[in-house]
Every structure is written in structure tokens, then in C-alpha cells.
N, C-alpha and C. Protein backbone atom coordinates (compact mmCIF):
# COMPACT_ATOMS: atom_id res chain seq x y z
N MET A 1 -44.97 7.50 -1.73
CA MET A 1 -44.30 6.21 -1.71
C MET A 1 -44.10 5.82 -0.24
N GLU A 2 -44.44 4.62 0.08
CA GLU A 2 -44.31 4.18 1.47
C GLU A 2 -42.88 3.78 1.79
N ALA A 3 -42.59 3.63 3.08
CA ALA A 3 -41.23 3.38 3.55
C ALA A 3 -40.62 2.13 2.94
N THR A 4 -41.40 1.06 2.84
CA THR A 4 -40.88 -0.20 2.29
C THR A 4 -40.47 -0.01 0.83
N GLU A 5 -41.27 0.68 0.08
CA GLU A 5 -40.96 0.94 -1.33
C GLU A 5 -39.72 1.83 -1.45
N ARG A 6 -39.61 2.83 -0.59
CA ARG A 6 -38.43 3.72 -0.62
C ARG A 6 -37.16 2.93 -0.32
N ARG A 7 -37.23 2.00 0.65
CA ARG A 7 -36.06 1.18 0.97
C ARG A 7 -35.69 0.28 -0.20
N ARG A 8 -36.70 -0.27 -0.87
CA ARG A 8 -36.44 -1.14 -2.02
C ARG A 8 -35.76 -0.35 -3.13
N VAL A 9 -36.28 0.83 -3.43
CA VAL A 9 -35.69 1.68 -4.48
C VAL A 9 -34.28 2.09 -4.10
N ALA A 10 -34.07 2.45 -2.84
CA ALA A 10 -32.74 2.84 -2.37
C ALA A 10 -31.75 1.68 -2.54
N ALA A 11 -32.18 0.47 -2.17
CA ALA A 11 -31.31 -0.70 -2.31
C ALA A 11 -30.99 -0.96 -3.77
N GLU A 12 -31.95 -0.80 -4.65
CA GLU A 12 -31.72 -0.97 -6.09
C GLU A 12 -30.71 0.06 -6.59
N ASN A 13 -30.84 1.29 -6.12
CA ASN A 13 -29.91 2.34 -6.54
C ASN A 13 -28.48 2.05 -6.08
N VAL A 14 -28.35 1.56 -4.86
CA VAL A 14 -27.02 1.21 -4.36
C VAL A 14 -26.44 0.05 -5.18
N ARG A 15 -27.26 -0.96 -5.47
CA ARG A 15 -26.79 -2.08 -6.29
C ARG A 15 -26.38 -1.61 -7.68
N ALA A 16 -27.13 -0.69 -8.25
CA ALA A 16 -26.79 -0.16 -9.58
C ALA A 16 -25.46 0.58 -9.53
N ALA A 17 -25.22 1.34 -8.47
CA ALA A 17 -23.94 2.04 -8.32
C ALA A 17 -22.80 1.05 -8.17
N GLU A 18 -23.01 -0.01 -7.38
CA GLU A 18 -21.99 -1.03 -7.21
C GLU A 18 -21.68 -1.72 -8.53
N ASP A 19 -22.72 -1.99 -9.31
CA ASP A 19 -22.54 -2.60 -10.62
C ASP A 19 -21.75 -1.67 -11.54
N ALA A 20 -22.07 -0.39 -11.51
CA ALA A 20 -21.34 0.59 -12.34
C ALA A 20 -19.86 0.62 -11.96
N VAL A 21 -19.57 0.56 -10.67
CA VAL A 21 -18.18 0.55 -10.22
C VAL A 21 -17.45 -0.68 -10.76
N GLU A 22 -18.07 -1.84 -10.65
CA GLU A 22 -17.44 -3.06 -11.14
C GLU A 22 -17.24 -3.01 -12.65
N ARG A 23 -18.22 -2.49 -13.37
CA ARG A 23 -18.09 -2.38 -14.83
C ARG A 23 -17.00 -1.40 -15.22
N LEU A 24 -16.91 -0.28 -14.49
CA LEU A 24 -15.84 0.68 -14.75
C LEU A 24 -14.47 0.07 -14.47
N LYS A 25 -14.34 -0.63 -13.34
CA LYS A 25 -13.07 -1.26 -13.01
C LYS A 25 -12.64 -2.24 -14.10
N ALA A 26 -13.57 -3.07 -14.53
CA ALA A 26 -13.25 -4.07 -15.56
C ALA A 26 -12.91 -3.40 -16.89
N GLY A 27 -13.71 -2.42 -17.28
CA GLY A 27 -13.45 -1.74 -18.54
C GLY A 27 -12.14 -0.99 -18.55
N LEU A 28 -11.85 -0.30 -17.47
CA LEU A 28 -10.59 0.43 -17.38
C LEU A 28 -9.41 -0.52 -17.31
N ALA A 29 -9.56 -1.62 -16.57
CA ALA A 29 -8.47 -2.60 -16.49
C ALA A 29 -8.15 -3.17 -17.86
N GLY A 30 -9.18 -3.37 -18.68
CA GLY A 30 -8.97 -3.86 -20.03
C GLY A 30 -8.20 -2.89 -20.91
N LEU A 31 -8.15 -1.63 -20.49
CA LEU A 31 -7.41 -0.61 -21.22
C LEU A 31 -6.09 -0.27 -20.53
N GLY A 32 -5.78 -1.02 -19.49
CA GLY A 32 -4.53 -0.80 -18.78
C GLY A 32 -4.57 0.35 -17.78
N VAL A 33 -5.76 0.71 -17.32
CA VAL A 33 -5.91 1.81 -16.37
C VAL A 33 -6.56 1.28 -15.10
N THR A 34 -5.97 1.62 -13.96
CA THR A 34 -6.54 1.27 -12.67
C THR A 34 -6.71 2.53 -11.85
N LEU A 35 -7.93 2.80 -11.43
CA LEU A 35 -8.19 3.91 -10.50
C LEU A 35 -8.32 3.28 -9.12
N PRO A 36 -7.27 3.37 -8.30
CA PRO A 36 -7.27 2.64 -7.04
C PRO A 36 -8.35 3.04 -6.05
N SER A 37 -8.87 4.24 -6.17
CA SER A 37 -9.88 4.70 -5.21
C SER A 37 -11.30 4.60 -5.75
N LEU A 38 -11.48 4.00 -6.91
CA LEU A 38 -12.80 3.88 -7.52
C LEU A 38 -13.71 3.09 -6.60
N ARG A 39 -14.88 3.68 -6.25
CA ARG A 39 -15.79 3.03 -5.31
C ARG A 39 -17.13 3.75 -5.31
N VAL A 40 -18.09 3.15 -4.64
CA VAL A 40 -19.34 3.84 -4.35
C VAL A 40 -19.07 4.74 -3.16
N ASP A 41 -19.44 6.00 -3.26
CA ASP A 41 -19.24 6.96 -2.19
C ASP A 41 -20.14 6.60 -1.01
N PRO A 42 -19.56 6.24 0.13
CA PRO A 42 -20.39 5.79 1.25
C PRO A 42 -21.28 6.89 1.82
N VAL A 43 -20.83 8.13 1.80
CA VAL A 43 -21.63 9.22 2.35
C VAL A 43 -22.92 9.41 1.55
N SER A 44 -22.83 9.23 0.23
CA SER A 44 -24.02 9.41 -0.60
C SER A 44 -25.04 8.30 -0.40
N CYS A 45 -24.64 7.22 0.27
CA CYS A 45 -25.55 6.11 0.55
C CYS A 45 -26.18 6.21 1.93
N ALA A 46 -25.87 7.25 2.65
CA ALA A 46 -26.39 7.42 4.01
C ALA A 46 -27.77 8.06 3.96
N GLY A 47 -28.46 7.96 5.03
CA GLY A 47 -29.76 8.60 5.15
C GLY A 47 -30.91 7.69 4.75
N ASN A 48 -32.10 8.25 4.82
CA ASN A 48 -33.31 7.49 4.53
C ASN A 48 -33.52 7.24 3.04
N GLU A 49 -33.09 8.17 2.21
CA GLU A 49 -33.26 8.03 0.77
C GLU A 49 -31.92 8.29 0.08
N PRO A 50 -31.03 7.29 0.12
CA PRO A 50 -29.70 7.50 -0.44
C PRO A 50 -29.73 7.72 -1.95
N THR A 51 -28.83 8.57 -2.39
CA THR A 51 -28.62 8.81 -3.81
C THR A 51 -27.15 8.51 -4.08
N PRO A 52 -26.83 7.24 -4.34
CA PRO A 52 -25.44 6.83 -4.45
C PRO A 52 -24.71 7.54 -5.59
N LEU A 53 -23.48 7.91 -5.29
CA LEU A 53 -22.58 8.49 -6.28
C LEU A 53 -21.39 7.56 -6.46
N VAL A 54 -20.86 7.52 -7.68
CA VAL A 54 -19.64 6.77 -7.94
C VAL A 54 -18.48 7.73 -7.75
N ASP A 55 -17.60 7.38 -6.83
CA ASP A 55 -16.42 8.18 -6.54
C ASP A 55 -15.28 7.64 -7.40
N LEU A 56 -14.85 8.43 -8.37
CA LEU A 56 -13.76 7.99 -9.24
C LEU A 56 -12.42 8.05 -8.52
N GLY A 57 -12.40 8.76 -7.41
CA GLY A 57 -11.25 8.72 -6.52
C GLY A 57 -10.05 9.50 -6.98
N ARG A 58 -8.99 9.24 -6.30
CA ARG A 58 -7.73 9.91 -6.55
C ARG A 58 -6.80 8.95 -7.25
N CYS A 59 -5.90 9.51 -8.07
CA CYS A 59 -4.90 8.67 -8.72
C CYS A 59 -3.62 9.48 -8.87
N ASN A 60 -2.53 8.77 -9.10
CA ASN A 60 -1.26 9.47 -9.29
C ASN A 60 -1.17 10.02 -10.71
N ILE A 61 -0.15 10.80 -10.97
CA ILE A 61 0.00 11.45 -12.27
C ILE A 61 0.15 10.42 -13.39
N ASP A 62 0.89 9.34 -13.15
CA ASP A 62 1.06 8.32 -14.18
C ASP A 62 -0.28 7.72 -14.61
N THR A 63 -1.14 7.45 -13.64
CA THR A 63 -2.46 6.91 -13.96
C THR A 63 -3.29 7.93 -14.72
N ALA A 64 -3.24 9.18 -14.30
CA ALA A 64 -4.00 10.23 -15.00
C ALA A 64 -3.52 10.36 -16.44
N LEU A 65 -2.20 10.32 -16.65
CA LEU A 65 -1.66 10.42 -18.01
C LEU A 65 -2.03 9.20 -18.84
N ARG A 66 -2.04 8.02 -18.23
CA ARG A 66 -2.44 6.81 -18.96
C ARG A 66 -3.90 6.91 -19.39
N LEU A 67 -4.73 7.43 -18.50
CA LEU A 67 -6.14 7.62 -18.84
C LEU A 67 -6.27 8.62 -20.00
N CYS A 68 -5.48 9.68 -19.97
CA CYS A 68 -5.48 10.64 -21.08
C CYS A 68 -5.08 9.97 -22.40
N GLU A 69 -4.07 9.11 -22.35
CA GLU A 69 -3.63 8.39 -23.54
C GLU A 69 -4.75 7.52 -24.11
N VAL A 70 -5.40 6.77 -23.23
CA VAL A 70 -6.48 5.88 -23.66
C VAL A 70 -7.61 6.69 -24.28
N LEU A 71 -7.97 7.78 -23.67
CA LEU A 71 -9.05 8.62 -24.21
C LEU A 71 -8.66 9.21 -25.56
N ALA A 72 -7.42 9.64 -25.69
CA ALA A 72 -6.95 10.19 -26.97
C ALA A 72 -6.96 9.12 -28.06
N GLU A 73 -6.56 7.90 -27.71
CA GLU A 73 -6.58 6.80 -28.68
C GLU A 73 -8.01 6.53 -29.14
N LYS A 74 -8.93 6.50 -28.20
CA LYS A 74 -10.33 6.26 -28.54
C LYS A 74 -10.88 7.39 -29.41
N GLU A 75 -10.54 8.62 -29.06
CA GLU A 75 -11.03 9.78 -29.82
C GLU A 75 -10.51 9.77 -31.25
N SER A 76 -9.26 9.33 -31.44
CA SER A 76 -8.67 9.33 -32.77
C SER A 76 -9.07 8.10 -33.58
N GLY A 77 -9.80 7.19 -32.94
CA GLY A 77 -10.25 5.99 -33.65
C GLY A 77 -9.26 4.85 -33.58
N HIS A 78 -8.20 5.01 -32.83
CA HIS A 78 -7.21 3.94 -32.67
C HIS A 78 -7.41 3.24 -31.35
N GLY A 79 -6.94 2.04 -31.29
CA GLY A 79 -6.99 1.29 -30.03
C GLY A 79 -8.36 0.73 -29.75
N GLY A 80 -8.38 -0.58 -29.49
CA GLY A 80 -9.58 -1.32 -29.09
C GLY A 80 -10.81 -0.91 -29.74
């Protein structure tokens, strides 16, 4: 694969990661959960052939417990 093609693929991968972050933010917000550090990991986007990672980030205990509640509701078939 030539350099131009590699850059195009890398840019598409970064855009896909950014889209995933936005979709996660919106979906979680709809469930009353906000992960304040949710983002595309900048280090994973560095270099000639970046492999972007979604960093779910850090959250406080209340947010973690809320996420647990939402997951339990979904697992039990209740909620949204």
C-alpha cells in the first residue's frame, strides 16, 4: 500500500473512532450516564499508521455505579 493510501485509511480510522466516541456519548447520555473523559486516545493516533483507540476514561464512583445500574436494567430486560 502506498503512502497516500495509508494516510487515507488512517484518516478514515480516526474519523470512525471520533464517530464512535460521539455515538457513545449520545447513547450514554440518553441513559443518564456521562463519562467525562470519553475521547479518542491521542497517543494511538500518532505515528505513520495510527490505530485509534477509544479511551473510555476515568469516572467517579457515582458514575460507575450509575453505569452498573443501567447495564443491570438492560440485562434484566427493564429500561429503554
